[in-house]
Protein backbone atom coordinates (compact mmCIF):
# COMPACT_ATOMS: atom_id res chain seq x y z
CA UNK A 1 -0.38 0.17 -0.12
CA UNK A 2 1.49 3.32 -0.83
CA UNK A 3 2.87 5.90 1.62
CA UNK A 4 2.21 9.25 -0.20
CA UNK A 5 0.18 11.51 0.95
CA UNK A 6 -2.01 13.38 -1.49
CA UNK A 7 -0.93 17.05 -1.72
CA UNK A 8 -2.69 20.23 0.15
CA UNK A 9 -4.39 22.25 -2.50
CA UNK A 10 -2.38 25.13 -2.56
CA UNK A 11 -0.33 23.75 0.01
CA UNK A 12 3.87 24.21 -2.52
CA UNK A 13 4.94 20.95 -4.30
CA UNK A 14 8.49 20.01 -3.14
CA UNK A 15 10.85 18.90 -4.82
CA UNK A 16 9.72 15.21 -5.58
CA UNK A 17 6.60 15.78 -7.17
CA UNK A 18 8.35 18.44 -9.33
CA UNK A 19 10.38 15.81 -10.48
CA UNK A 20 8.76 12.76 -11.70
CA UNK A 21 9.00 12.50 -15.20
CA UNK A 22 5.06 11.48 -16.84
CA UNK A 23 3.99 7.72 -15.71
CA UNK A 24 5.46 8.00 -12.73
CA UNK A 25 4.19 7.80 -9.23
CA UNK A 26 5.21 8.09 -6.09
CA UNK A 27 5.21 4.62 -3.78
CA UNK A 28 6.73 5.65 -0.22
CA UNK A 29 8.36 9.25 0.39
CA UNK A 30 10.05 10.09 4.19
CA UNK A 31 12.85 12.31 5.25
CA UNK A 32 14.81 13.78 8.56
CA UNK A 33 13.47 12.48 11.47
CA UNK A 34 12.61 14.44 13.80
CA UNK A 35 15.38 13.96 16.21
CA UNK A 36 17.44 15.73 13.69
CA UNK A 37 15.37 18.95 16.00
CA UNK A 38 16.25 17.89 19.16
CA UNK A 39 19.28 19.70 20.07
CA UNK A 40 17.26 22.40 18.21
CA UNK A 41 14.64 22.07 20.44
CA UNK A 42 16.33 21.65 24.03
CA UNK A 43 18.75 25.27 23.29
CA UNK A 44 15.67 27.17 22.12
CA UNK A 45 13.81 25.78 25.59
CA UNK A 46 16.60 27.57 27.87
CA UNK A 47 16.64 30.54 26.03
CA UNK A 48 12.66 30.97 26.41
CA UNK A 49 13.09 29.72 29.79
CA UNK A 50 16.07 32.46 30.41
CA UNK A 51 14.25 35.22 27.83
CA UNK A 52 10.93 35.18 30.02
CA UNK A 53 12.69 35.14 33.43
CA UNK A 54 14.46 38.08 32.54
CA UNK A 55 11.37 39.75 31.27
CA UNK A 56 9.63 38.26 34.74
CA UNK A 57 12.36 40.30 36.29
CA UNK A 58 12.23 43.50 34.52
CA UNK A 59 8.38 43.56 35.13
CA UNK A 60 8.83 42.50 39.10
CA UNK A 61 8.22 45.34 41.36
CA UNK A 62 11.80 44.26 43.27
CA UNK A 63 14.59 45.38 40.53
CA UNK A 64 15.58 49.15 40.42
CA UNK A 65 15.44 51.44 37.52
CA UNK A 66 18.54 50.52 36.76
CA UNK A 67 18.25 47.18 35.38
CA UNK A 68 15.23 47.28 34.29
CA UNK A 69 16.20 48.01 30.62
CA UNK A 70 19.18 45.45 30.58
CA UNK A 71 16.60 42.83 31.39
CA UNK A 72 13.74 44.05 28.71
CA UNK A 73 16.55 43.76 26.37
CA UNK A 74 18.12 40.87 28.07
CA UNK A 75 14.92 38.84 28.02
CA UNK A 76 13.88 39.73 24.11
CA UNK A 77 17.13 39.15 22.71
CA UNK A 78 16.64 35.07 24.36
CA UNK A 79 13.32 34.61 22.74
CA UNK A 80 14.00 35.76 19.96
CA UNK A 81 17.28 33.49 20.06
CA UNK A 82 14.62 31.36 21.15
CA UNK A 83 12.60 30.88 17.65
CA UNK A 84 15.24 31.74 15.80
CA UNK A 85 17.62 28.52 16.77
CA UNK A 86 13.89 26.43 16.65
CA UNK A 87 12.85 27.65 12.92
CA UNK A 88 16.70 26.55 11.55
CA UNK A 89 15.82 23.29 13.33
CA UNK A 90 12.64 23.19 11.19
CA UNK A 91 13.97 24.64 8.08
CA UNK A 92 16.35 21.54 8.28
CA UNK A 93 14.40 19.43 9.05
CA UNK A 94 11.71 19.86 6.79
CA UNK A 95 14.03 20.40 3.70
CA UNK A 96 14.98 16.67 3.06
CA UNK A 97 12.68 14.92 1.12
CA UNK A 98 13.36 10.51 0.31
CA UNK A 99 12.10 8.83 -2.27
CA UNK A 100 10.86 5.50 -3.89
CA UNK A 101 8.92 6.33 -7.12
CA UNK A 102 8.13 3.19 -9.21
CA UNK A 103 11.33 4.73 -11.65
CA UNK A 104 13.46 6.03 -9.79
CA UNK A 105 15.28 6.44 -6.01
CA UNK A 106 15.12 10.11 -5.33
CA UNK A 107 16.51 12.02 -2.77
CA UNK A 108 16.81 16.15 -1.66
CA UNK A 109 18.48 17.30 1.30
CA UNK A 110 19.51 20.91 1.64
CA UNK A 111 17.49 24.27 1.19
CA UNK A 112 19.87 26.77 -0.12
CA UNK A 113 23.16 24.83 -1.13
CA UNK A 114 21.04 21.35 -2.86
CA UNK A 115 22.43 18.34 -3.20
CA UNK A 116 19.80 15.83 -4.98
CA UNK A 117 20.24 12.12 -5.88
CA UNK A 118 17.98 10.75 -9.24
CA UNK A 119 18.91 7.23 -10.00
CA UNK A 120 16.83 4.91 -11.73
CA UNK A 121 15.84 1.46 -10.00
CA UNK A 122 17.19 -0.38 -12.41
CA UNK A 123 20.65 1.08 -11.46
CA UNK A 124 20.80 0.61 -8.17
CA UNK A 125 23.20 -2.00 -6.62
CA UNK A 126 22.25 -1.33 -3.17
CA UNK A 127 20.77 0.45 -0.68
CA UNK A 128 22.42 -0.03 2.77
CA UNK A 129 21.02 0.12 6.17
CA UNK A 130 23.12 2.05 9.23
CA UNK A 131 21.60 1.89 12.59
CA UNK A 132 22.71 2.62 15.76
CA UNK A 133 20.94 1.26 19.05
CA UNK A 134 19.16 4.27 19.57
CA UNK A 135 18.07 5.00 15.93
CA UNK A 136 16.26 1.01 16.15
CA UNK A 137 14.69 1.92 19.15
CA UNK A 138 13.69 4.96 17.49
CA UNK A 139 12.72 3.93 13.78
CA UNK A 140 15.70 6.52 12.15
CA UNK A 141 19.03 6.16 10.49
CA UNK A 142 21.12 6.28 7.07
CA UNK A 143 20.24 4.68 4.38
CA UNK A 144 23.47 4.67 1.86
CA UNK A 145 22.84 4.13 -1.75
CA UNK A 146 24.53 3.10 -4.37
CA UNK A 147 23.93 2.87 -7.76
CA UNK A 148 26.37 0.57 -11.06
CA UNK A 149 29.87 1.71 -10.91
CA UNK A 150 29.02 4.31 -9.26
CA UNK A 151 30.58 5.55 -5.44
CA UNK A 152 28.16 4.46 -2.61
CA UNK A 153 25.77 8.37 -1.22
CA UNK A 154 25.09 8.50 2.18
CA UNK A 155 22.24 9.77 3.80
CA UNK A 156 21.11 10.13 8.00
CA UNK A 157 18.94 10.27 10.36
CA UNK A 158 16.11 8.89 7.25
CA UNK A 159 13.06 8.13 9.08
CA UNK A 160 11.98 5.08 8.71
CA UNK A 161 15.24 3.39 6.82
CA UNK A 162 14.63 -0.07 6.62
CA UNK A 163 10.75 0.19 5.12
CA UNK A 164 12.33 2.52 2.32
CA UNK A 165 15.02 -0.23 1.64
CA UNK A 166 11.77 -1.99 1.77
CA UNK A 167 9.71 -0.10 -1.32
CA UNK A 168 13.06 -0.07 -2.84
CA UNK A 169 13.74 -3.82 -2.40
CA UNK A 170 9.93 -3.94 -3.70
CA UNK A 171 10.08 -1.35 -7.05
CA UNK A 172 13.28 -3.56 -8.60
CA UNK A 173 11.93 -6.80 -7.70
CA UNK A 174 8.07 -5.44 -9.64
CA UNK A 175 10.36 -3.92 -12.74
CA UNK A 176 13.27 -6.47 -12.88
CA UNK A 177 16.43 -5.31 -15.76
CA UNK A 178 15.20 -6.18 -19.22
CA UNK A 179 18.38 -8.60 -20.92
CA UNK A 180 20.09 -6.84 -23.74
């Protein structure tokens, strides 16, 4: 059963959807695991707590007027930093698309500078999955795609890497290479 989610009306299409050829359809799509934003969330929460504490101190009656403005400015800066750190993590997570279509393996990482891999299923020599203990427990790992005669391409912290590999193998099995 395809894991493809239908496009939301009015939502911009991603790299994968914009680069499908006629007759090609997405069979399985994934991306970075949520763990890639874990440290962004932790750091963002720390800055937010610091900012709230500073603003609370600035607006409480216990401080002298000399320190009030410093606490206001420091608290505001800490809250802005918290928002920036969180947004950076979210953008990083959402900038990676990994998909298997009925014809190709498509992987795109990055927004400003982009790295892509579009490989015909007939050219896929092997798909390797590397998972740490925590990766296995939480459902993330590295996917290593090797094409015929090519160097291995590694993509880290991909959500459900075993499921991705299984879908690639199913598509390769459904479309065996023809002999010349």
